[in-house]
Amino acid sequence: MSSTHSDAEAALPVDSRRSRRTTGRGPGNPLPALVLALFAIFFLLPVLWLVLAATKTDDQLVHNNPLSFGSFHALSANWHALTGYQDDVIFQWLRNSAVYSFFALVITLAVAIPAGYAMAMTEFRGRRALLIATLVVMLMPNATLVVPLFLEINAVHLIGSMWSVILPYAFYPFGVYLAYIYFSTALPRELLEAARLDGCSELGVFRRVALPLAAPIVALVGFFSFVANWTNYFLPYVLLPESKQFPVQVGLGTLLNDVPQFNPTVGSLAVERPELALATLLAITPVLVVFLFSQRFLVAGMLAGATKS
């Protein structure tokens, strides 16, 4: 009987035998699950606390369970207090962030994608030096560029205008590098050559063949650029002198300065901590919405240059 069972098992395909042995081993290694749980606690608990903090009064925020729900009444009161701060300036800040990020994104895509294509597909003098310069600038911290950018923007008399923020936002060497990697590794050269043989100009090849195939990397560059623009704080803080010109990230700094627990010299414009938590949620919601709607394209863009076609 046992020999018959052994013969039957030997007749099974190798993969089937492996799966049978694997399923009979009991629980697997708990380490991956433990690591994922730790990451979930580290990243999700602060977000959960932030959401619940917006539903509490300031006293409840300090004395109640940190992960307890306050009340819808407190949430409504915090909303009315926040929207009443400086005549609904929070909505002006959100509009400013949307305008700055959108126009900078359009310029970034219009420049970075063709630049990456040109660097990947053409040979010209100084190409290697230009690529190295792109990498160096990409690796530099943003704070190191604030003073040179301020001097340049001041030289053309744009300080205090929306373009003083949009134009530096649109300077995105990381997008150029991503496009270069995609076009040099994942784009089938045979399609480009076929289009040229059919009489297509170089611009037509880019517009009709390369650009449609590059939709995932365009989405990836666009998302990273949008997030970088939306979360930028230091540059608009330096370049914009008036509160109503601020994007929402700089506006959050203004709210933080008006919290009495962080700044005892606050006058009549005091902001409670739950109101600050609610403002933070409003500031991160657009990025979350964009991520949820573009997630499929982002995954495709991240895998686009993983293998050579």
Protein backbone atom coordinates (compact mmCIF):
# COMPACT_ATOMS: atom_id res chain seq x y z
CA MET A 1 0.00 0.00 0.00
CA SER A 2 2.80 2.38 0.91
CA SER A 3 4.69 1.56 -2.27
CA THR A 4 1.60 2.33 -4.32
CA HIS A 5 1.28 5.69 -2.55
CA SER A 6 4.97 6.45 -3.21
CA ASP A 7 4.61 5.54 -6.88
CA ALA A 8 1.57 7.78 -7.22
CA GLU A 9 3.41 10.66 -5.61
CA ALA A 10 6.43 10.12 -7.83
CA ALA A 11 4.17 10.29 -10.86
CA LEU A 12 3.01 13.77 -9.92
CA PRO A 13 4.70 16.77 -11.55
CA VAL A 14 7.57 18.32 -9.60
CA ASP A 15 5.64 21.56 -8.94
CA SER A 16 2.67 19.62 -7.55
CA ARG A 17 4.90 17.65 -5.18
CA ARG A 18 6.54 20.86 -3.99
CA SER A 19 3.19 22.51 -3.33
CA ARG A 20 1.99 19.46 -1.39
CA ARG A 21 5.09 19.49 0.77
CA THR A 22 4.85 23.24 1.33
CA THR A 23 1.21 23.15 2.38
CA GLY A 24 1.93 20.46 4.93
CA ARG A 25 4.53 22.44 6.81
CA GLY A 26 2.25 24.46 9.07
CA PRO A 27 2.71 28.20 9.71
CA GLY A 28 5.45 29.95 7.78
CA ASN A 29 8.05 32.42 8.94
CA PRO A 30 6.33 35.08 11.12
CA LEU A 31 9.06 37.67 10.55
CA PRO A 32 7.53 39.29 7.40
CA ALA A 33 4.16 39.63 9.14
CA LEU A 34 5.85 41.13 12.19
CA VAL A 35 7.77 43.66 10.06
CA LEU A 36 4.59 44.65 8.22
CA ALA A 37 2.76 45.06 11.51
CA LEU A 38 5.52 47.31 12.86
CA PHE A 39 5.43 49.44 9.71
CA ALA A 40 1.65 49.67 9.95
CA ILE A 41 1.88 50.84 13.55
CA PHE A 42 4.62 53.33 12.74
CA PHE A 43 2.84 54.89 9.73
CA LEU A 44 -0.87 54.37 10.34
CA LEU A 45 -1.19 55.23 14.02
CA PRO A 46 -0.08 58.87 13.57
CA VAL A 47 -2.59 59.28 10.71
CA LEU A 48 -5.36 57.71 12.81
CA TRP A 49 -4.47 60.00 15.72
CA LEU A 50 -4.59 63.01 13.40
CA VAL A 51 -8.04 62.07 12.10
CA LEU A 52 -9.40 61.55 15.61
CA ALA A 53 -7.75 64.73 16.94
CA ALA A 54 -9.91 66.81 14.60
CA THR A 55 -13.04 65.46 16.34
CA LYS A 56 -12.07 66.65 19.83
CA THR A 57 -11.89 69.81 21.85
CA ASP A 58 -8.48 70.95 23.00
CA ASP A 59 -9.15 69.63 26.51
CA GLN A 60 -10.25 66.24 25.16
CA LEU A 61 -7.16 66.09 22.98
CA VAL A 62 -4.93 66.40 26.04
CA HIS A 63 -6.81 64.31 28.62
CA ASN A 64 -8.79 61.68 26.69
CA ASN A 65 -7.54 58.46 25.13
CA PRO A 66 -5.39 59.48 22.13
CA LEU A 67 -7.22 57.00 19.87
CA SER A 68 -10.74 57.80 21.06
CA PHE A 69 -13.35 59.56 18.94
CA GLY A 70 -14.49 62.97 20.18
CA SER A 71 -17.80 64.11 18.77
CA PHE A 72 -19.32 65.44 15.58
CA HIS A 73 -20.22 68.60 17.47
CA ALA A 74 -16.55 69.23 18.27
CA LEU A 75 -15.63 68.46 14.65
CA SER A 76 -18.20 71.01 13.43
CA ALA A 77 -16.93 73.61 15.92
CA ASN A 78 -13.34 73.07 14.79
CA TRP A 79 -14.41 73.39 11.15
CA HIS A 80 -16.20 76.70 11.75
CA ALA A 81 -13.27 78.05 13.77
CA LEU A 82 -10.78 77.04 11.08
CA THR A 83 -12.79 78.45 8.19
CA GLY A 84 -13.34 81.66 10.14
CA TYR A 85 -9.61 82.20 10.65
CA GLN A 86 -8.58 85.37 8.77
CA ASP A 87 -11.74 85.39 6.62
CA ASP A 88 -11.53 81.84 5.23
CA VAL A 89 -7.87 82.17 4.33
CA ILE A 90 -7.47 78.38 4.52
CA PHE A 91 -9.39 78.05 1.23
CA GLN A 92 -7.21 80.74 -0.34
CA TRP A 93 -4.13 78.77 0.68
CA LEU A 94 -5.55 75.60 -0.84
CA ARG A 95 -6.37 77.45 -4.08
CA ASN A 96 -2.86 78.88 -4.18
CA SER A 97 -1.33 75.43 -3.76
CA ALA A 98 -3.54 74.05 -6.53
CA VAL A 99 -2.63 76.89 -8.92
CA TYR A 100 1.10 76.76 -8.19
CA SER A 101 1.26 72.96 -8.41
CA PHE A 102 -0.87 72.69 -11.57
CA PHE A 103 0.96 75.29 -13.67
CA ALA A 104 4.35 74.01 -12.51
CA LEU A 105 3.27 70.47 -13.37
CA VAL A 106 2.27 71.48 -16.91
CA ILE A 107 5.64 73.15 -17.47
CA THR A 108 7.50 70.21 -15.93
CA LEU A 109 5.84 67.67 -18.24
CA ALA A 110 6.30 69.92 -21.27
CA VAL A 111 10.05 70.17 -20.56
CA ALA A 112 11.14 67.02 -18.69
CA ILE A 113 9.63 64.38 -20.98
CA PRO A 114 11.04 65.79 -24.28
CA ALA A 115 14.36 66.49 -22.55
CA GLY A 116 14.60 62.90 -21.32
CA TYR A 117 13.70 61.62 -24.80
CA ALA A 118 16.35 63.82 -26.44
CA MET A 119 19.04 62.72 -23.99
CA ALA A 120 18.18 59.05 -24.51
CA MET A 121 17.75 59.02 -28.30
CA THR A 122 20.27 61.50 -29.66
CA GLU A 123 24.03 61.88 -29.50
CA PHE A 124 25.36 65.42 -29.17
CA ARG A 125 28.40 67.16 -27.78
CA GLY A 126 28.14 67.65 -24.03
CA ARG A 127 25.44 64.99 -23.60
CA ARG A 128 27.35 63.09 -20.91
CA ALA A 129 28.21 66.29 -19.04
CA LEU A 130 24.56 67.36 -19.18
CA LEU A 131 23.44 64.02 -17.78
CA ILE A 132 25.98 64.23 -14.95
CA ALA A 133 24.86 67.78 -14.17
CA THR A 134 21.25 66.57 -14.05
CA LEU A 135 22.19 63.84 -11.57
CA VAL A 136 24.18 66.24 -9.39
CA VAL A 137 21.37 68.81 -9.22
CA MET A 138 18.85 66.03 -8.59
CA LEU A 139 20.84 64.87 -5.55
CA MET A 140 21.27 68.33 -4.07
CA PRO A 141 18.96 69.23 -1.13
CA ASN A 142 16.30 71.77 -2.09
CA ALA A 143 17.38 74.13 0.67
CA THR A 144 20.78 74.63 -0.99
CA LEU A 145 19.08 76.10 -4.07
CA VAL A 146 16.85 78.61 -2.26
CA VAL A 147 19.39 81.46 -2.08
CA PRO A 148 20.52 81.20 -5.75
CA LEU A 149 16.89 80.97 -6.84
CA PHE A 150 15.98 83.99 -4.73
CA LEU A 151 18.76 86.02 -6.34
CA GLU A 152 17.69 84.96 -9.84
CA ILE A 153 13.99 85.66 -9.20
CA ASN A 154 14.86 89.02 -7.65
CA ALA A 155 17.03 89.92 -10.66
CA VAL A 156 14.01 89.59 -12.98
CA HIS A 157 11.71 91.39 -10.50
CA LEU A 158 9.34 88.50 -9.88
CA ILE A 159 9.54 88.37 -6.08
CA GLY A 160 6.02 88.24 -4.66
CA SER A 161 4.36 87.06 -7.88
CA MET A 162 2.93 83.62 -8.53
CA TRP A 163 5.66 82.98 -11.12
CA SER A 164 8.32 83.32 -8.44
CA VAL A 165 7.04 79.98 -7.12
CA ILE A 166 5.80 78.30 -10.31
CA LEU A 167 9.03 78.63 -12.30
CA PRO A 168 11.32 77.12 -9.62
CA TYR A 169 8.70 74.40 -9.02
CA ALA A 170 8.82 73.56 -12.73
CA PHE A 171 12.59 72.96 -12.53
CA TYR A 172 12.50 69.19 -11.93
CA PRO A 173 15.69 67.32 -12.91
CA PHE A 174 14.42 64.10 -11.34
CA GLY A 175 11.66 64.02 -13.96
CA VAL A 176 14.23 64.40 -16.74
CA TYR A 177 16.24 61.52 -15.33
CA LEU A 178 13.18 59.25 -15.02
CA ALA A 179 12.21 59.98 -18.62
CA TYR A 180 15.79 59.35 -19.75
CA ILE A 181 15.86 55.96 -18.01
CA TYR A 182 12.55 54.93 -19.56
CA PHE A 183 13.31 55.99 -23.11
CA SER A 184 16.79 54.49 -23.05
CA THR A 185 15.77 51.08 -21.64
CA ALA A 186 12.08 50.31 -22.21
CA LEU A 187 11.15 51.94 -25.53
CA PRO A 188 11.37 49.59 -28.55
CA ARG A 189 13.79 51.17 -31.00
CA GLU A 190 12.28 49.14 -33.87
CA LEU A 191 9.02 51.08 -33.63
CA LEU A 192 10.87 54.38 -33.86
CA GLU A 193 12.87 53.23 -36.87
CA ALA A 194 9.71 51.97 -38.57
CA ALA A 195 8.04 55.35 -38.05
CA ARG A 196 11.08 57.13 -39.54
CA LEU A 197 11.05 54.81 -42.55
CA ASP A 198 7.38 55.69 -43.07
CA GLY A 199 8.41 59.32 -43.44
CA CYS A 200 7.61 60.55 -39.93
CA SER A 201 9.67 63.50 -38.73
CA GLU A 202 11.57 63.31 -35.44
CA LEU A 203 8.91 65.42 -33.76
CA GLY A 204 6.23 63.19 -35.22
CA VAL A 205 8.03 60.07 -33.97
CA PHE A 206 8.09 61.51 -30.48
CA ARG A 207 4.48 62.73 -30.54
CA ARG A 208 2.84 59.76 -32.28
CA VAL A 209 4.95 56.80 -31.14
CA ALA A 210 7.14 57.52 -28.12
CA LEU A 211 4.78 59.71 -26.13
CA PRO A 212 1.76 57.34 -26.20
CA LEU A 213 4.00 54.46 -25.11
CA ALA A 214 5.44 56.62 -22.33
CA ALA A 215 2.06 57.25 -20.62
CA PRO A 216 3.09 55.34 -17.42
CA ILE A 217 6.32 57.32 -17.01
CA VAL A 218 4.49 60.59 -17.73
CA ALA A 219 2.07 59.72 -14.92
CA LEU A 220 4.97 58.86 -12.62
CA VAL A 221 6.83 62.09 -13.30
CA GLY A 222 3.60 64.05 -12.95
CA PHE A 223 2.76 62.50 -9.60
CA PHE A 224 6.21 63.00 -8.10
CA SER A 225 6.30 66.56 -9.38
CA PHE A 226 2.84 67.33 -8.00
CA VAL A 227 3.70 65.93 -4.56
CA ALA A 228 7.02 67.81 -4.46
CA ASN A 229 5.28 71.06 -5.42
CA TRP A 230 2.37 70.61 -3.01
CA THR A 231 4.60 69.83 -0.03
CA ASN A 232 7.27 72.47 -0.70
CA TYR A 233 7.57 74.85 2.24
CA PHE A 234 10.85 76.72 2.34
CA LEU A 235 10.90 78.19 -1.17
CA PRO A 236 7.43 79.85 -1.11
CA TYR A 237 8.07 80.96 2.48
CA VAL A 238 11.09 82.92 1.25
CA LEU A 239 9.65 84.23 -2.02
CA LEU A 240 6.10 85.21 -1.05
CA PRO A 241 5.70 88.15 1.35
CA GLU A 242 1.92 88.21 1.89
CA SER A 243 -0.18 85.69 3.81
CA LYS A 244 -2.88 85.47 1.13
CA GLN A 245 -0.24 84.38 -1.41
CA PHE A 246 0.93 81.45 0.71
CA PRO A 247 0.38 77.84 -0.35
CA VAL A 248 -1.23 75.63 2.26
CA GLN A 249 2.09 74.26 3.59
CA VAL A 250 3.29 77.75 4.53
CA GLY A 251 -0.22 78.49 5.81
CA LEU A 252 0.09 75.56 8.21
CA GLY A 253 3.22 77.20 9.59
CA THR A 254 1.23 80.38 10.16
CA LEU A 255 -1.44 78.42 12.01
CA LEU A 256 1.23 76.70 14.08
CA ASN A 257 2.61 80.08 15.15
CA ASP A 258 -0.86 81.07 16.37
CA VAL A 259 -1.29 78.06 18.67
CA PRO A 260 -0.90 79.41 22.26
CA GLN A 261 0.79 76.21 23.50
CA PHE A 262 3.56 76.69 20.92
CA ASN A 263 3.70 80.50 20.95
CA PRO A 264 2.64 82.18 24.22
CA THR A 265 2.65 85.66 22.63
CA VAL A 266 -0.38 84.95 20.40
CA GLY A 267 -3.04 87.65 20.49
CA SER A 268 -6.65 87.45 19.35
CA LEU A 269 -5.95 85.01 16.47
CA ALA A 270 -5.40 81.99 18.72
CA VAL A 271 -5.76 78.60 17.05
CA GLU A 272 -6.55 75.45 19.01
CA ARG A 273 -4.62 72.26 18.36
CA PRO A 274 -7.63 70.28 17.00
CA GLU A 275 -8.14 73.06 14.43
CA LEU A 276 -4.51 72.66 13.39
CA ALA A 277 -5.05 68.90 13.03
CA LEU A 278 -8.09 69.54 10.82
CA ALA A 279 -6.10 71.97 8.67
CA THR A 280 -3.39 69.33 8.27
CA LEU A 281 -5.97 66.82 7.06
CA LEU A 282 -7.22 69.33 4.49
CA ALA A 283 -3.65 69.90 3.32
CA ILE A 284 -2.90 66.21 2.71
CA THR A 285 -6.27 65.24 1.20
CA PRO A 286 -5.51 66.43 -2.40
CA VAL A 287 -2.30 64.38 -2.51
CA LEU A 288 -4.17 61.33 -1.22
CA VAL A 289 -6.91 61.75 -3.83
CA VAL A 290 -4.37 62.11 -6.66
CA PHE A 291 -2.52 59.02 -5.44
CA LEU A 292 -5.68 56.89 -5.30
CA PHE A 293 -6.74 57.85 -8.82
CA SER A 294 -3.27 57.42 -10.35
CA GLN A 295 -2.13 54.31 -8.46
CA ARG A 296 -2.43 51.97 -11.46
CA PHE A 297 -0.34 54.27 -13.66
CA LEU A 298 2.22 54.75 -10.89
CA VAL A 299 2.82 51.01 -10.58
CA ALA A 300 3.16 50.70 -14.36
CA GLY A 301 5.57 53.64 -14.43
CA MET A 302 7.75 52.19 -11.66
CA LEU A 303 8.02 48.89 -13.55
CA ALA A 304 8.44 50.50 -16.97
CA GLY A 305 12.22 50.53 -16.95
CA ALA A 306 12.69 47.33 -14.96
CA THR A 307 13.25 45.18 -18.04
CA LYS A 308 14.62 46.03 -21.44
CA SER A 309 12.14 45.49 -24.28
